[in-house]
């Protein structure tokens, strides 16, 4: 199994409505992408200086399933949305045994 972890730091003066829209669209991804085995997404609850603002954790059967996820049009649209509101973003994909 492959676990995908992504974190986002939103632009300082980003409109809250745009962030809410992004988070709603992220939450809807599992209904649109059959490769998703598990999916968790949320915003930071502890205002520590170095924390990012939001994160997602998702599991996929294998690397091929993760690559199909990345190519899904719904995911591509959300990635474009992330790019439009995020000052920084990071991700890592690793094997879970």
PDB file of N, CA and C in Angstrom:
ATOM      1  N   UNK A   1       0.852  -1.166   0.000  1.00  0.00           N
ATOM      2  CA  UNK A   1       0.000   0.000   0.000  1.00  0.00           C
ATOM      3  C   UNK A   1       0.904   1.238   0.000  1.00  0.00           C
ATOM      4  N   UNK A   2       0.454   2.288  -0.679  1.00  0.00           N
ATOM      5  CA  UNK A   2       1.168   3.558  -0.724  1.00  0.00           C
ATOM      6  C   UNK A   2       0.346   4.605   0.012  1.00  0.00           C
ATOM      7  N   UNK A   3       1.002   5.318   0.910  1.00  0.00           N
ATOM      8  CA  UNK A   3       0.363   6.412   1.640  1.00  0.00           C
ATOM      9  C   UNK A   3       0.850   7.736   1.059  1.00  0.00           C
ATOM     10  N   UNK A   4      -0.098   8.601   0.767  1.00  0.00           N
ATOM     11  CA  UNK A   4       0.171   9.943   0.243  1.00  0.00           C
ATOM     12  C   UNK A   4      -0.164  10.945   1.342  1.00  0.00           C
ATOM     13  N   UNK A   5       0.794  11.793   1.686  1.00  0.00           N
ATOM     14  CA  UNK A   5       0.596  12.833   2.692  1.00  0.00           C
ATOM     15  C   UNK A   5       0.930  14.169   2.048  1.00  0.00           C
ATOM     16  N   UNK A   6       0.031  15.117   2.148  1.00  0.00           N
ATOM     17  CA  UNK A   6       0.266  16.452   1.603  1.00  0.00           C
ATOM     18  C   UNK A   6      -0.130  17.492   2.635  1.00  0.00           C
ATOM     19  N   UNK A   7       0.645  18.567   2.697  1.00  0.00           N
ATOM     20  CA  UNK A   7       0.366  19.673   3.608  1.00  0.00           C
ATOM     21  C   UNK A   7       0.384  20.978   2.828  1.00  0.00           C
ATOM     22  N   UNK A   8      -0.453  21.905   3.253  1.00  0.00           N
ATOM     23  CA  UNK A   8      -0.600  23.180   2.564  1.00  0.00           C
ATOM     24  C   UNK A   8      -0.498  24.328   3.556  1.00  0.00           C
ATOM     25  N   UNK A   9       0.227  25.357   3.167  1.00  0.00           N
ATOM     26  CA  UNK A   9       0.283  26.615   3.913  1.00  0.00           C
ATOM     27  C   UNK A   9      -0.402  27.637   3.015  1.00  0.00           C
ATOM     28  N   UNK A  10      -1.520  28.197   3.481  1.00  0.00           N
ATOM     29  CA  UNK A  10      -2.283  29.126   2.658  1.00  0.00           C
ATOM     30  C   UNK A  10      -1.649  30.509   2.654  1.00  0.00           C
ATOM     31  N   UNK A  11      -1.894  31.228   1.580  1.00  0.00           N
ATOM     32  CA  UNK A  11      -1.418  32.612   1.504  1.00  0.00           C
ATOM     33  C   UNK A  11      -2.027  33.401   2.652  1.00  0.00           C
ATOM     34  N   UNK A  12      -1.258  34.320   3.191  1.00  0.00           N
ATOM     35  CA  UNK A  12      -1.659  35.074   4.381  1.00  0.00           C
ATOM     36  C   UNK A  12      -2.993  35.789   4.212  1.00  0.00           C
ATOM     37  N   UNK A  13      -3.220  36.390   3.073  1.00  0.00           N
ATOM     38  CA  UNK A  13      -4.434  37.188   2.876  1.00  0.00           C
ATOM     39  C   UNK A  13      -5.455  36.496   1.978  1.00  0.00           C
ATOM     40  N   UNK A  14      -5.410  35.159   1.963  1.00  0.00           N
ATOM     41  CA  UNK A  14      -6.357  34.418   1.122  1.00  0.00           C
ATOM     42  C   UNK A  14      -7.764  34.542   1.695  1.00  0.00           C
ATOM     43  N   UNK A  15      -8.742  34.637   0.811  1.00  0.00           N
ATOM     44  CA  UNK A  15     -10.132  34.730   1.249  1.00  0.00           C
ATOM     45  C   UNK A  15     -10.565  33.432   1.926  1.00  0.00           C
ATOM     46  N   UNK A  16     -11.169  33.518   3.100  1.00  0.00           N
ATOM     47  CA  UNK A  16     -11.650  32.308   3.784  1.00  0.00           C
ATOM     48  C   UNK A  16     -12.612  31.485   2.920  1.00  0.00           C
ATOM     49  N   UNK A  17     -13.406  32.136   2.104  1.00  0.00           N
ATOM     50  CA  UNK A  17     -14.355  31.403   1.252  1.00  0.00           C
ATOM     51  C   UNK A  17     -13.626  30.525   0.240  1.00  0.00           C
ATOM     52  N   UNK A  18     -12.478  30.949  -0.249  1.00  0.00           N
ATOM     53  CA  UNK A  18     -11.709  30.140  -1.199  1.00  0.00           C
ATOM     54  C   UNK A  18     -11.100  28.928  -0.501  1.00  0.00           C
ATOM     55  N   UNK A  19     -10.685  29.103   0.749  1.00  0.00           N
ATOM     56  CA  UNK A  19     -10.130  27.980   1.517  1.00  0.00           C
ATOM     57  C   UNK A  19     -11.239  26.979   1.838  1.00  0.00           C
ATOM     58  N   UNK A  20     -12.395  27.478   2.240  1.00  0.00           N
ATOM     59  CA  UNK A  20     -13.534  26.598   2.519  1.00  0.00           C
ATOM     60  C   UNK A  20     -13.917  25.809   1.272  1.00  0.00           C
ATOM     61  N   UNK A  21     -13.941  26.472   0.136  1.00  0.00           N
ATOM     62  CA  UNK A  21     -14.270  25.797  -1.118  1.00  0.00           C
ATOM     63  C   UNK A  21     -13.245  24.704  -1.427  1.00  0.00           C
ATOM     64  N   UNK A  22     -11.972  25.002  -1.250  1.00  0.00           N
ATOM     65  CA  UNK A  22     -10.932  24.003  -1.468  1.00  0.00           C
ATOM     66  C   UNK A  22     -11.123  22.808  -0.540  1.00  0.00           C
ATOM     67  N   UNK A  23     -11.331  23.062   0.738  1.00  0.00           N
ATOM     68  CA  UNK A  23     -11.468  21.966   1.696  1.00  0.00           C
ATOM     69  C   UNK A  23     -12.689  21.107   1.373  1.00  0.00           C
ATOM     70  N   UNK A  24     -13.781  21.723   0.935  1.00  0.00           N
ATOM     71  CA  UNK A  24     -14.962  20.962   0.523  1.00  0.00           C
ATOM     72  C   UNK A  24     -14.658  20.104  -0.700  1.00  0.00           C
ATOM     73  N   UNK A  25     -13.916  20.653  -1.647  1.00  0.00           N
ATOM     74  CA  UNK A  25     -13.561  19.895  -2.848  1.00  0.00           C
ATOM     75  C   UNK A  25     -12.602  18.755  -2.515  1.00  0.00           C
ATOM     76  N   UNK A  26     -11.672  18.986  -1.597  1.00  0.00           N
ATOM     77  CA  UNK A  26     -10.791  17.906  -1.155  1.00  0.00           C
ATOM     78  C   UNK A  26     -11.589  16.794  -0.478  1.00  0.00           C
ATOM     79  N   UNK A  27     -12.540  17.166   0.347  1.00  0.00           N
ATOM     80  CA  UNK A  27     -13.351  16.173   1.061  1.00  0.00           C
ATOM     81  C   UNK A  27     -14.172  15.322   0.096  1.00  0.00           C
ATOM     82  N   UNK A  28     -14.489  15.856  -1.084  1.00  0.00           N
ATOM     83  CA  UNK A  28     -15.313  15.134  -2.061  1.00  0.00           C
ATOM     84  C   UNK A  28     -14.513  14.181  -2.945  1.00  0.00           C
ATOM     85  N   UNK A  29     -13.200  14.254  -2.911  1.00  0.00           N
ATOM     86  CA  UNK A  29     -12.365  13.444  -3.809  1.00  0.00           C
ATOM     87  C   UNK A  29     -12.653  11.937  -3.703  1.00  0.00           C
ATOM     88  N   UNK A  30     -12.791  11.362  -2.520  1.00  0.00           N
ATOM     89  CA  UNK A  30     -13.013   9.905  -2.472  1.00  0.00           C
ATOM     90  C   UNK A  30     -14.252   9.434  -3.231  1.00  0.00           C
ATOM     91  N   UNK A  31     -15.252  10.293  -3.345  1.00  0.00           N
ATOM     92  CA  UNK A  31     -16.463   9.941  -4.093  1.00  0.00           C
ATOM     93  C   UNK A  31     -16.237   9.983  -5.604  1.00  0.00           C
ATOM     94  N   UNK A  32     -15.144  10.613  -6.031  1.00  0.00           N
ATOM     95  CA  UNK A  32     -14.881  10.807  -7.455  1.00  0.00           C
ATOM     96  C   UNK A  32     -13.710   9.973  -7.979  1.00  0.00           C
ATOM     97  N   UNK A  33     -12.942   9.392  -7.069  1.00  0.00           N
ATOM     98  CA  UNK A  33     -11.712   8.694  -7.456  1.00  0.00           C
ATOM     99  C   UNK A  33     -11.738   7.279  -6.882  1.00  0.00           C
ATOM    100  N   UNK A  34     -11.968   6.288  -7.724  1.00  0.00           N
ATOM    101  CA  UNK A  34     -12.107   4.917  -7.218  1.00  0.00           C
ATOM    102  C   UNK A  34     -10.826   4.333  -6.618  1.00  0.00           C
ATOM    103  N   UNK A  35      -9.675   4.890  -6.930  1.00  0.00           N
ATOM    104  CA  UNK A  35      -8.411   4.360  -6.412  1.00  0.00           C
ATOM    105  C   UNK A  35      -8.200   4.636  -4.924  1.00  0.00           C
ATOM    106  N   UNK A  36      -8.940   5.567  -4.359  1.00  0.00           N
ATOM    107  CA  UNK A  36      -8.760   5.938  -2.950  1.00  0.00           C
ATOM    108  C   UNK A  36      -9.252   4.805  -2.053  1.00  0.00           C
ATOM    109  N   UNK A  37      -8.364   4.309  -1.200  1.00  0.00           N
ATOM    110  CA  UNK A  37      -8.731   3.292  -0.206  1.00  0.00           C
ATOM    111  C   UNK A  37      -9.174   3.966   1.083  1.00  0.00           C
ATOM    112  N   UNK A  38      -8.398   4.924   1.535  1.00  0.00           N
ATOM    113  CA  UNK A  38      -8.786   5.722   2.715  1.00  0.00           C
ATOM    114  C   UNK A  38      -8.363   7.157   2.475  1.00  0.00           C
ATOM    115  N   UNK A  39      -9.075   8.094   3.142  1.00  0.00           N
ATOM    116  CA  UNK A  39      -8.872   9.512   2.875  1.00  0.00           C
ATOM    117  C   UNK A  39      -9.213  10.306   4.129  1.00  0.00           C
ATOM    118  N   UNK A  40      -8.290  11.131   4.571  1.00  0.00           N
ATOM    119  CA  UNK A  40      -8.531  12.054   5.690  1.00  0.00           C
ATOM    120  C   UNK A  40      -8.011  13.417   5.272  1.00  0.00           C
ATOM    121  N   UNK A  41      -8.800  14.427   5.527  1.00  0.00           N
ATOM    122  CA  UNK A  41      -8.395  15.791   5.196  1.00  0.00           C
ATOM    123  C   UNK A  41      -8.921  16.711   6.285  1.00  0.00           C
ATOM    124  N   UNK A  42      -8.140  17.729   6.628  1.00  0.00           N
ATOM    125  CA  UNK A  42      -8.588  18.663   7.646  1.00  0.00           C
ATOM    126  C   UNK A  42      -7.665  19.858   7.766  1.00  0.00           C
ATOM    127  N   UNK A  43      -8.117  20.813   8.558  1.00  0.00           N
ATOM    128  CA  UNK A  43      -7.326  22.014   8.800  1.00  0.00           C
ATOM    129  C   UNK A  43      -6.664  21.931  10.166  1.00  0.00           C
ATOM    130  N   UNK A  44      -5.583  22.649  10.287  1.00  0.00           N
ATOM    131  CA  UNK A  44      -4.795  22.669  11.509  1.00  0.00           C
ATOM    132  C   UNK A  44      -5.620  23.191  12.692  1.00  0.00           C
ATOM    133  N   UNK A  45      -5.509  22.532  13.830  1.00  0.00           N
ATOM    134  CA  UNK A  45      -6.254  22.953  15.019  1.00  0.00           C
ATOM    135  C   UNK A  45      -5.356  23.558  16.099  1.00  0.00           C
ATOM    136  N   UNK A  46      -4.054  23.528  15.886  1.00  0.00           N
ATOM    137  CA  UNK A  46      -3.112  24.027  16.878  1.00  0.00           C
ATOM    138  C   UNK A  46      -2.237  25.104  16.246  1.00  0.00           C
ATOM    139  N   UNK A  47      -2.426  26.361  16.623  1.00  0.00           N
ATOM    140  CA  UNK A  47      -1.716  27.457  15.967  1.00  0.00           C
ATOM    141  C   UNK A  47      -0.249  27.583  16.409  1.00  0.00           C
ATOM    142  N   UNK A  48       0.530  26.584  16.057  1.00  0.00           N
ATOM    143  CA  UNK A  48       1.965  26.615  16.332  1.00  0.00           C
ATOM    144  C   UNK A  48       2.652  27.200  15.100  1.00  0.00           C
ATOM    145  N   UNK A  49       3.634  28.015  15.320  1.00  0.00           N
ATOM    146  CA  UNK A  49       4.296  28.783  14.268  1.00  0.00           C
ATOM    147  C   UNK A  49       4.688  27.973  13.033  1.00  0.00           C
ATOM    148  N   UNK A  50       5.230  26.778  13.207  1.00  0.00           N
ATOM    149  CA  UNK A  50       5.746  26.023  12.068  1.00  0.00           C
ATOM    150  C   UNK A  50       4.717  25.073  11.444  1.00  0.00           C
ATOM    151  N   UNK A  51       3.511  24.994  12.004  1.00  0.00           N
ATOM    152  CA  UNK A  51       2.483  24.113  11.444  1.00  0.00           C
ATOM    153  C   UNK A  51       1.990  24.628  10.095  1.00  0.00           C
ATOM    154  N   UNK A  52       1.634  23.688   9.244  1.00  0.00           N
ATOM    155  CA  UNK A  52       0.948  24.036   8.002  1.00  0.00           C
ATOM    156  C   UNK A  52      -0.531  24.210   8.316  1.00  0.00           C
ATOM    157  N   UNK A  53      -1.287  24.758   7.366  1.00  0.00           N
ATOM    158  CA  UNK A  53      -2.691  25.094   7.605  1.00  0.00           C
ATOM    159  C   UNK A  53      -3.664  23.945   7.362  1.00  0.00           C
ATOM    160  N   UNK A  54      -3.306  23.024   6.484  1.00  0.00           N
ATOM    161  CA  UNK A  54      -4.202  21.909   6.166  1.00  0.00           C
ATOM    162  C   UNK A  54      -3.372  20.727   5.697  1.00  0.00           C
ATOM    163  N   UNK A  55      -3.984  19.544   5.789  1.00  0.00           N
ATOM    164  CA  UNK A  55      -3.282  18.334   5.357  1.00  0.00           C
ATOM    165  C   UNK A  55      -4.275  17.305   4.864  1.00  0.00           C
ATOM    166  N   UNK A  56      -3.740  16.395   4.066  1.00  0.00           N
ATOM    167  CA  UNK A  56      -4.518  15.224   3.691  1.00  0.00           C
ATOM    168  C   UNK A  56      -3.624  13.999   3.781  1.00  0.00           C
ATOM    169  N   UNK A  57      -4.240  12.884   4.133  1.00  0.00           N
ATOM    170  CA  UNK A  57      -3.567  11.594   4.197  1.00  0.00           C
ATOM    171  C   UNK A  57      -4.461  10.620   3.445  1.00  0.00           C
ATOM    172  N   UNK A  58      -3.874   9.938   2.455  1.00  0.00           N
ATOM    173  CA  UNK A  58      -4.659   9.021   1.627  1.00  0.00           C
ATOM    174  C   UNK A  58      -3.865   7.752   1.379  1.00  0.00           C
ATOM    175  N   UNK A  59      -4.581   6.647   1.268  1.00  0.00           N
ATOM    176  CA  UNK A  59      -3.958   5.360   0.972  1.00  0.00           C
ATOM    177  C   UNK A  59      -4.440   4.846  -0.375  1.00  0.00           C
ATOM    178  N   UNK A  60      -3.489   4.206  -1.098  1.00  0.00           N
ATOM    179  CA  UNK A  60      -3.739   3.638  -2.414  1.00  0.00           C
ATOM    180  C   UNK A  60      -3.136   2.246  -2.452  1.00  0.00           C
ATOM    181  N   UNK A  61      -3.685   1.379  -3.266  1.00  0.00           N
ATOM    182  CA  UNK A  61      -3.236  -0.014  -3.312  1.00  0.00           C
ATOM    183  C   UNK A  61      -1.763  -0.134  -3.702  1.00  0.00           C
ATOM    184  N   UNK A  62      -1.335   0.680  -4.657  1.00  0.00           N
ATOM    185  CA  UNK A  62       0.033   0.579  -5.163  1.00  0.00           C
ATOM    186  C   UNK A  62       0.394   1.866  -5.904  1.00  0.00           C
ATOM    187  N   UNK A  63       1.608   1.916  -6.449  1.00  0.00           N
ATOM    188  CA  UNK A  63       2.072   3.113  -7.164  1.00  0.00           C
ATOM    189  C   UNK A  63       1.212   3.406  -8.386  1.00  0.00           C
ATOM    190  N   UNK A  64       0.791   2.366  -9.087  1.00  0.00           N
ATOM    191  CA  UNK A  64      -0.041   2.584 -10.271  1.00  0.00           C
ATOM    192  C   UNK A  64      -1.374   3.238  -9.912  1.00  0.00           C
ATOM    193  N   UNK A  65      -1.962   2.824  -8.817  1.00  0.00           N
ATOM    194  CA  UNK A  65      -3.215   3.437  -8.364  1.00  0.00           C
ATOM    195  C   UNK A  65      -2.997   4.898  -8.001  1.00  0.00           C
ATOM    196  N   UNK A  66      -1.878   5.201  -7.363  1.00  0.00           N
ATOM    197  CA  UNK A  66      -1.567   6.593  -7.010  1.00  0.00           C
ATOM    198  C   UNK A  66      -1.377   7.428  -8.278  1.00  0.00           C
ATOM    199  N   UNK A  67      -0.713   6.881  -9.275  1.00  0.00           N
ATOM    200  CA  UNK A  67      -0.521   7.615 -10.534  1.00  0.00           C
ATOM    201  C   UNK A  67      -1.854   7.844 -11.245  1.00  0.00           C
ATOM    202  N   UNK A  68      -2.754   6.872 -11.200  1.00  0.00           N
ATOM    203  CA  UNK A  68      -4.090   7.071 -11.783  1.00  0.00           C
ATOM    204  C   UNK A  68      -4.831   8.179 -11.044  1.00  0.00           C
ATOM    205  N   UNK A  69      -4.697   8.206  -9.725  1.00  0.00           N
ATOM    206  CA  UNK A  69      -5.286   9.273  -8.910  1.00  0.00           C
ATOM    207  C   UNK A  69      -4.795  10.634  -9.393  1.00  0.00           C
ATOM    208  N   UNK A  70      -3.498  10.790  -9.559  1.00  0.00           N
ATOM    209  CA  UNK A  70      -2.937  12.064  -9.994  1.00  0.00           C
ATOM    210  C   UNK A  70      -3.448  12.492 -11.364  1.00  0.00           C
ATOM    211  N   UNK A  71      -3.776  11.530 -12.223  1.00  0.00           N
ATOM    212  CA  UNK A  71      -4.245  11.850 -13.577  1.00  0.00           C
ATOM    213  C   UNK A  71      -5.756  12.085 -13.650  1.00  0.00           C
ATOM    214  N   UNK A  72      -6.474  11.801 -12.582  1.00  0.00           N
ATOM    215  CA  UNK A  72      -7.926  11.969 -12.580  1.00  0.00           C
ATOM    216  C   UNK A  72      -8.274  13.459 -12.753  1.00  0.00           C
ATOM    217  N   UNK A  73      -9.198  13.793 -13.645  1.00  0.00           N
ATOM    218  CA  UNK A  73      -9.555  15.202 -13.866  1.00  0.00           C
ATOM    219  C   UNK A  73     -10.030  15.927 -12.601  1.00  0.00           C
ATOM    220  N   UNK A  74     -10.747  15.250 -11.722  1.00  0.00           N
ATOM    221  CA  UNK A  74     -11.200  15.885 -10.479  1.00  0.00           C
ATOM    222  C   UNK A  74     -10.009  16.249  -9.598  1.00  0.00           C
ATOM    223  N   UNK A  75      -9.024  15.378  -9.546  1.00  0.00           N
ATOM    224  CA  UNK A  75      -7.820  15.642  -8.755  1.00  0.00           C
ATOM    225  C   UNK A  75      -7.029  16.777  -9.386  1.00  0.00           C
ATOM    226  N   UNK A  76      -6.893  16.762 -10.704  1.00  0.00           N
ATOM    227  CA  UNK A  76      -6.158  17.839 -11.395  1.00  0.00           C
ATOM    228  C   UNK A  76      -6.803  19.190 -11.085  1.00  0.00           C
ATOM    229  N   UNK A  77      -8.133  19.243 -11.069  1.00  0.00           N
ATOM    230  CA  UNK A  77      -8.833  20.501 -10.776  1.00  0.00           C
ATOM    231  C   UNK A  77      -8.547  20.958  -9.353  1.00  0.00           C
ATOM    232  N   UNK A  78      -8.533  20.025  -8.403  1.00  0.00           N
ATOM    233  CA  UNK A  78      -8.253  20.397  -7.008  1.00  0.00           C
ATOM    234  C   UNK A  78      -6.789  20.816  -6.855  1.00  0.00           C
ATOM    235  N   UNK A  79      -5.888  20.163  -7.563  1.00  0.00           N
ATOM    236  CA  UNK A  79      -4.477  20.581  -7.504  1.00  0.00           C
ATOM    237  C   UNK A  79      -4.338  22.009  -8.014  1.00  0.00           C
ATOM    238  N   UNK A  80      -5.021  22.347  -9.094  1.00  0.00           N
ATOM    239  CA  UNK A  80      -4.997  23.730  -9.588  1.00  0.00           C
ATOM    240  C   UNK A  80      -5.534  24.690  -8.534  1.00  0.00           C
ATOM    241  N   UNK A  81      -6.565  24.270  -7.835  1.00  0.00           N
ATOM    242  CA  UNK A  81      -7.141  25.099  -6.776  1.00  0.00           C
ATOM    243  C   UNK A  81      -6.142  25.269  -5.625  1.00  0.00           C
ATOM    244  N   UNK A  82      -5.455  24.199  -5.258  1.00  0.00           N
ATOM    245  CA  UNK A  82      -4.432  24.275  -4.213  1.00  0.00           C
ATOM    246  C   UNK A  82      -3.359  25.279  -4.611  1.00  0.00           C
ATOM    247  N   UNK A  83      -2.880  25.175  -5.842  1.00  0.00           N
ATOM    248  CA  UNK A  83      -1.848  26.087  -6.329  1.00  0.00           C
ATOM    249  C   UNK A  83      -2.306  27.538  -6.228  1.00  0.00           C
ATOM    250  N   UNK A  84      -3.593  27.774  -6.448  1.00  0.00           N
ATOM    251  CA  UNK A  84      -4.108  29.149  -6.442  1.00  0.00           C
ATOM    252  C   UNK A  84      -4.222  29.758  -5.048  1.00  0.00           C
ATOM    253  N   UNK A  85      -4.275  28.931  -3.985  1.00  0.00           N
ATOM    254  CA  UNK A  85      -4.443  29.483  -2.633  1.00  0.00           C
ATOM    255  C   UNK A  85      -3.257  29.212  -1.701  1.00  0.00           C
ATOM    256  N   UNK A  86      -2.351  28.349  -2.112  1.00  0.00           N
ATOM    257  CA  UNK A  86      -1.265  27.933  -1.221  1.00  0.00           C
ATOM    258  C   UNK A  86      -0.002  28.754  -1.454  1.00  0.00           C
ATOM    259  N   UNK A  87       0.589  29.199  -0.356  1.00  0.00           N
ATOM    260  CA  UNK A  87       1.900  29.837  -0.422  1.00  0.00           C
ATOM    261  C   UNK A  87       2.977  28.761  -0.509  1.00  0.00           C
ATOM    262  N   UNK A  88       2.755  27.649   0.176  1.00  0.00           N
ATOM    263  CA  UNK A  88       3.675  26.516   0.162  1.00  0.00           C
ATOM    264  C   UNK A  88       2.878  25.223   0.230  1.00  0.00           C
ATOM    265  N   UNK A  89       3.456  24.192  -0.333  1.00  0.00           N
ATOM    266  CA  UNK A  89       2.847  22.862  -0.233  1.00  0.00           C
ATOM    267  C   UNK A  89       3.964  21.832  -0.278  1.00  0.00           C
ATOM    268  N   UNK A  90       3.733  20.754   0.427  1.00  0.00           N
ATOM    269  CA  UNK A  90       4.693  19.650   0.447  1.00  0.00           C
ATOM    270  C   UNK A  90       3.904  18.359   0.364  1.00  0.00           C
ATOM    271  N   UNK A  91       4.556  17.322  -0.108  1.00  0.00           N
ATOM    272  CA  UNK A  91       3.930  16.001  -0.092  1.00  0.00           C
ATOM    273  C   UNK A  91       5.000  14.928  -0.058  1.00  0.00           C
ATOM    274  N   UNK A  92       4.583  13.769   0.384  1.00  0.00           N
ATOM    275  CA  UNK A  92       5.447  12.597   0.391  1.00  0.00           C
ATOM    276  C   UNK A  92       4.558  11.382   0.148  1.00  0.00           C
ATOM    277  N   UNK A  93       5.101  10.428  -0.604  1.00  0.00           N
ATOM    278  CA  UNK A  93       4.418   9.165  -0.872  1.00  0.00           C
ATOM    279  C   UNK A  93       5.344   8.054  -0.409  1.00  0.00           C
ATOM    280  N   UNK A  94       4.843   7.183   0.468  1.00  0.00           N
ATOM    281  CA  UNK A  94       5.710   6.117   0.993  1.00  0.00           C
ATOM    282  C   UNK A  94       4.931   4.828   1.119  1.00  0.00           C
ATOM    283  N   UNK A  95       5.699   3.757   1.116  1.00  0.00           N
ATOM    284  CA  UNK A  95       5.110   2.427   1.213  1.00  0.00           C
ATOM    285  C   UNK A  95       4.762   2.121   2.670  1.00  0.00           C
ATOM    286  N   UNK A  96       3.560   1.598   2.852  1.00  0.00           N
ATOM    287  CA  UNK A  96       3.086   1.185   4.180  1.00  0.00           C
ATOM    288  C   UNK A  96       3.064  -0.339   4.176  1.00  0.00           C
ATOM    289  N   UNK A  97       3.724  -0.921   5.163  1.00  0.00           N
ATOM    290  CA  UNK A  97       3.757  -2.388   5.225  1.00  0.00           C
ATOM    291  C   UNK A  97       2.960  -2.905   6.399  1.00  0.00           C
TER     292      UNK A  97
END
